[in-house]
């Protein structure tokens, strides 16, 4: 497990509350997962420039509920997730996830799971394959 918070970097001192969210990368066997918290565009750009190919993962929990304040092209191009997970409430007042973000994920051929539509999303990995479990069964 890698925790990518950058409190020691002077640039991170100016990050707002959401942008101080922890970014966690988990590697299990041949599978990798990135949980991007609530970070927004400036911080995605910062992490993309700092970590570059280290952001490449099989599964990405999309930043900031799939809002247009996140999911930048540079960040997604480094992450290149085969699977994207968006945590957003059903019929939320913000309209998350935004169509623009969904289109970006479709453009990179990422399979999208959304808690607003799929409810709970359970993920299982044996270190080689990632399986999405239907929690209703």
C-alpha atoms as a PDB file:
ATOM      1  CA  UNK A   1       0.000   0.000   0.000  1.00  0.00           C
ATOM      2  CA  UNK A   2       1.295   3.435  -0.955  1.00  0.00           C
ATOM      3  CA  UNK A   3      -0.031   6.645   0.565  1.00  0.00           C
ATOM      4  CA  UNK A   4       0.683   9.543  -1.758  1.00  0.00           C
ATOM      5  CA  UNK A   5       0.029  12.545   0.503  1.00  0.00           C
ATOM      6  CA  UNK A   6       2.610  15.255   0.032  1.00  0.00           C
ATOM      7  CA  UNK A   7       2.553  17.337   3.205  1.00  0.00           C
ATOM      8  CA  UNK A   8       6.318  17.911   3.074  1.00  0.00           C
ATOM      9  CA  UNK A   9       6.152  19.580  -0.366  1.00  0.00           C
ATOM     10  CA  UNK A  10       5.679  23.349   0.004  1.00  0.00           C
ATOM     11  CA  UNK A  11       3.228  23.419  -2.941  1.00  0.00           C
ATOM     12  CA  UNK A  12       0.854  21.121  -1.058  1.00  0.00           C
ATOM     13  CA  UNK A  13       0.595  23.589   1.836  1.00  0.00           C
ATOM     14  CA  UNK A  14      -1.736  25.683  -0.325  1.00  0.00           C
ATOM     15  CA  UNK A  15      -4.108  22.816  -1.152  1.00  0.00           C
ATOM     16  CA  UNK A  16      -7.690  23.275   0.067  1.00  0.00           C
ATOM     17  CA  UNK A  17      -9.509  20.705   2.236  1.00  0.00           C
ATOM     18  CA  UNK A  18     -10.694  18.397  -0.574  1.00  0.00           C
ATOM     19  CA  UNK A  19      -7.311  18.625  -2.214  1.00  0.00           C
ATOM     20  CA  UNK A  20      -5.607  17.344   0.909  1.00  0.00           C
ATOM     21  CA  UNK A  21      -7.483  14.040   0.531  1.00  0.00           C
ATOM     22  CA  UNK A  22      -5.260  11.037   0.767  1.00  0.00           C
ATOM     23  CA  UNK A  23      -4.468   9.184  -2.415  1.00  0.00           C
ATOM     24  CA  UNK A  24      -3.912   5.510  -1.819  1.00  0.00           C
ATOM     25  CA  UNK A  25      -2.499   2.975  -4.246  1.00  0.00           C
ATOM     26  CA  UNK A  26      -2.813  -0.705  -3.427  1.00  0.00           C
ATOM     27  CA  UNK A  27      -0.908  -3.350  -5.353  1.00  0.00           C
ATOM     28  CA  UNK A  28      -1.941  -6.956  -4.861  1.00  0.00           C
ATOM     29  CA  UNK A  29      -0.122  -9.413  -7.085  1.00  0.00           C
ATOM     30  CA  UNK A  30      -0.628  -8.235 -10.658  1.00  0.00           C
ATOM     31  CA  UNK A  31      -3.574  -5.977  -9.744  1.00  0.00           C
ATOM     32  CA  UNK A  32      -3.391  -2.337  -8.746  1.00  0.00           C
ATOM     33  CA  UNK A  33      -6.004   0.037  -7.370  1.00  0.00           C
ATOM     34  CA  UNK A  34      -5.920   3.814  -6.924  1.00  0.00           C
ATOM     35  CA  UNK A  35      -8.307   5.598  -4.564  1.00  0.00           C
ATOM     36  CA  UNK A  36      -8.143   9.287  -5.418  1.00  0.00           C
ATOM     37  CA  UNK A  37     -10.312  10.791  -2.674  1.00  0.00           C
ATOM     38  CA  UNK A  38     -11.824  14.221  -3.368  1.00  0.00           C
ATOM     39  CA  UNK A  39      -8.875  15.782  -5.175  1.00  0.00           C
ATOM     40  CA  UNK A  40      -9.578  18.319  -7.880  1.00  0.00           C
ATOM     41  CA  UNK A  41      -7.871  19.432 -11.094  1.00  0.00           C
ATOM     42  CA  UNK A  42      -4.831  21.269  -9.687  1.00  0.00           C
ATOM     43  CA  UNK A  43      -3.910  18.360  -7.432  1.00  0.00           C
ATOM     44  CA  UNK A  44      -4.542  15.750 -10.135  1.00  0.00           C
ATOM     45  CA  UNK A  45      -2.123  17.728 -12.314  1.00  0.00           C
ATOM     46  CA  UNK A  46       0.384  17.882  -9.453  1.00  0.00           C
ATOM     47  CA  UNK A  47       0.228  14.106  -8.867  1.00  0.00           C
ATOM     48  CA  UNK A  48       0.341  13.359 -12.595  1.00  0.00           C
ATOM     49  CA  UNK A  49       3.517  15.414 -12.958  1.00  0.00           C
ATOM     50  CA  UNK A  50       5.092  13.934  -9.826  1.00  0.00           C
ATOM     51  CA  UNK A  51       4.154  10.249 -10.155  1.00  0.00           C
ATOM     52  CA  UNK A  52       3.471   9.853 -13.882  1.00  0.00           C
ATOM     53  CA  UNK A  53       3.429   6.121 -14.804  1.00  0.00           C
ATOM     54  CA  UNK A  54       3.195   5.067 -11.143  1.00  0.00           C
ATOM     55  CA  UNK A  55      -0.459   6.160 -11.393  1.00  0.00           C
ATOM     56  CA  UNK A  56      -1.154   3.416 -13.975  1.00  0.00           C
ATOM     57  CA  UNK A  57      -3.720   1.086 -12.388  1.00  0.00           C
ATOM     58  CA  UNK A  58      -6.311  -1.545 -13.162  1.00  0.00           C
ATOM     59  CA  UNK A  59      -9.017   0.144 -11.074  1.00  0.00           C
ATOM     60  CA  UNK A  60      -9.436   3.833 -10.272  1.00  0.00           C
ATOM     61  CA  UNK A  61     -11.869   5.287  -7.762  1.00  0.00           C
ATOM     62  CA  UNK A  62     -12.672   8.485  -9.629  1.00  0.00           C
ATOM     63  CA  UNK A  63     -11.926  11.752  -7.856  1.00  0.00           C
ATOM     64  CA  UNK A  64     -14.580  13.999  -6.353  1.00  0.00           C
ATOM     65  CA  UNK A  65     -17.666  11.899  -7.215  1.00  0.00           C
ATOM     66  CA  UNK A  66     -17.150  12.311 -10.961  1.00  0.00           C
ATOM     67  CA  UNK A  67     -17.514  16.089 -10.938  1.00  0.00           C
ATOM     68  CA  UNK A  68     -16.030  18.345 -13.606  1.00  0.00           C
ATOM     69  CA  UNK A  69     -13.698  19.762 -10.962  1.00  0.00           C
ATOM     70  CA  UNK A  70     -11.692  16.550 -11.349  1.00  0.00           C
ATOM     71  CA  UNK A  71     -10.936  13.739 -13.821  1.00  0.00           C
ATOM     72  CA  UNK A  72      -8.453  15.689 -15.890  1.00  0.00           C
ATOM     73  CA  UNK A  73      -7.136  14.258 -19.135  1.00  0.00           C
ATOM     74  CA  UNK A  74      -3.540  14.231 -17.863  1.00  0.00           C
ATOM     75  CA  UNK A  75      -4.474  12.287 -14.707  1.00  0.00           C
ATOM     76  CA  UNK A  76      -6.651   9.773 -16.574  1.00  0.00           C
ATOM     77  CA  UNK A  77      -4.008   9.333 -19.282  1.00  0.00           C
ATOM     78  CA  UNK A  78      -1.459   8.274 -16.671  1.00  0.00           C
ATOM     79  CA  UNK A  79      -3.924   6.153 -14.667  1.00  0.00           C
ATOM     80  CA  UNK A  80      -5.431   4.381 -17.724  1.00  0.00           C
ATOM     81  CA  UNK A  81      -7.886   2.388 -15.573  1.00  0.00           C
ATOM     82  CA  UNK A  82      -9.530  -0.673 -17.059  1.00  0.00           C
ATOM     83  CA  UNK A  83     -12.229  -0.228 -14.416  1.00  0.00           C
ATOM     84  CA  UNK A  84     -13.501   3.049 -12.987  1.00  0.00           C
ATOM     85  CA  UNK A  85     -15.547   3.324  -9.828  1.00  0.00           C
ATOM     86  CA  UNK A  86     -17.593   6.447  -9.138  1.00  0.00           C
ATOM     87  CA  UNK A  87     -19.033   7.017  -5.682  1.00  0.00           C
ATOM     88  CA  UNK A  88     -22.091   9.272  -5.951  1.00  0.00           C
ATOM     89  CA  UNK A  89     -25.501   9.349  -4.330  1.00  0.00           C
ATOM     90  CA  UNK A  90     -28.617   8.492  -6.341  1.00  0.00           C
ATOM     91  CA  UNK A  91     -30.236  11.630  -7.824  1.00  0.00           C
ATOM     92  CA  UNK A  92     -27.755  13.797  -5.920  1.00  0.00           C
ATOM     93  CA  UNK A  93     -28.301  17.545  -6.139  1.00  0.00           C
ATOM     94  CA  UNK A  94     -24.954  18.067  -7.857  1.00  0.00           C
ATOM     95  CA  UNK A  95     -25.759  15.825 -10.818  1.00  0.00           C
ATOM     96  CA  UNK A  96     -22.701  13.657 -10.233  1.00  0.00           C
ATOM     97  CA  UNK A  97     -21.238  11.974 -12.093  1.00  0.00           C
ATOM     98  CA  UNK A  98     -21.099  14.547 -14.863  1.00  0.00           C
ATOM     99  CA  UNK A  99     -21.610  13.465 -18.475  1.00  0.00           C
ATOM    100  CA  UNK A 100     -18.247  14.989 -19.437  1.00  0.00           C
ATOM    101  CA  UNK A 101     -16.431  12.706 -16.986  1.00  0.00           C
ATOM    102  CA  UNK A 102     -18.326   9.625 -18.168  1.00  0.00           C
ATOM    103  CA  UNK A 103     -17.392  10.463 -21.763  1.00  0.00           C
ATOM    104  CA  UNK A 104     -13.705  10.772 -20.823  1.00  0.00           C
ATOM    105  CA  UNK A 105     -13.814   7.329 -19.199  1.00  0.00           C
ATOM    106  CA  UNK A 106     -15.618   5.822 -22.186  1.00  0.00           C
ATOM    107  CA  UNK A 107     -12.988   7.360 -24.481  1.00  0.00           C
ATOM    108  CA  UNK A 108     -10.210   5.429 -22.690  1.00  0.00           C
ATOM    109  CA  UNK A 109     -12.364   2.254 -22.734  1.00  0.00           C
ATOM    110  CA  UNK A 110     -12.732   2.054 -18.966  1.00  0.00           C
ATOM    111  CA  UNK A 111     -15.606  -0.064 -17.636  1.00  0.00           C
ATOM    112  CA  UNK A 112     -17.610   2.203 -15.329  1.00  0.00           C
ATOM    113  CA  UNK A 113     -19.331   1.226 -12.084  1.00  0.00           C
ATOM    114  CA  UNK A 114     -21.392   3.813 -10.227  1.00  0.00           C
ATOM    115  CA  UNK A 115     -22.788   3.637  -6.726  1.00  0.00           C
ATOM    116  CA  UNK A 116     -25.725   5.841  -7.745  1.00  0.00           C
ATOM    117  CA  UNK A 117     -26.872   3.149 -10.190  1.00  0.00           C
ATOM    118  CA  UNK A 118     -25.144  -0.047  -9.042  1.00  0.00           C
ATOM    119  CA  UNK A 119     -25.541   0.688  -5.314  1.00  0.00           C
ATOM    120  CA  UNK A 120     -22.755  -1.053  -3.399  1.00  0.00           C
ATOM    121  CA  UNK A 121     -19.882  -2.163  -5.599  1.00  0.00           C
ATOM    122  CA  UNK A 122     -17.895  -5.085  -4.215  1.00  0.00           C
ATOM    123  CA  UNK A 123     -14.511  -5.818  -5.702  1.00  0.00           C
ATOM    124  CA  UNK A 124     -12.531  -9.014  -5.309  1.00  0.00           C
ATOM    125  CA  UNK A 125      -9.017  -9.686  -6.500  1.00  0.00           C
ATOM    126  CA  UNK A 126      -7.009 -12.880  -6.371  1.00  0.00           C
ATOM    127  CA  UNK A 127      -3.910 -10.914  -7.364  1.00  0.00           C
ATOM    128  CA  UNK A 128      -4.397 -11.830 -11.002  1.00  0.00           C
ATOM    129  CA  UNK A 129      -8.014 -11.068 -11.878  1.00  0.00           C
ATOM    130  CA  UNK A 130     -10.413  -8.447 -10.594  1.00  0.00           C
ATOM    131  CA  UNK A 131     -13.998  -9.493 -10.198  1.00  0.00           C
ATOM    132  CA  UNK A 132     -16.975  -7.268  -9.490  1.00  0.00           C
ATOM    133  CA  UNK A 133     -19.357  -9.083  -7.129  1.00  0.00           C
ATOM    134  CA  UNK A 134     -23.106  -8.573  -7.441  1.00  0.00           C
ATOM    135  CA  UNK A 135     -23.873  -7.682  -3.842  1.00  0.00           C
ATOM    136  CA  UNK A 136     -27.597  -8.491  -4.328  1.00  0.00           C
ATOM    137  CA  UNK A 137     -26.822 -12.235  -4.572  1.00  0.00           C
END
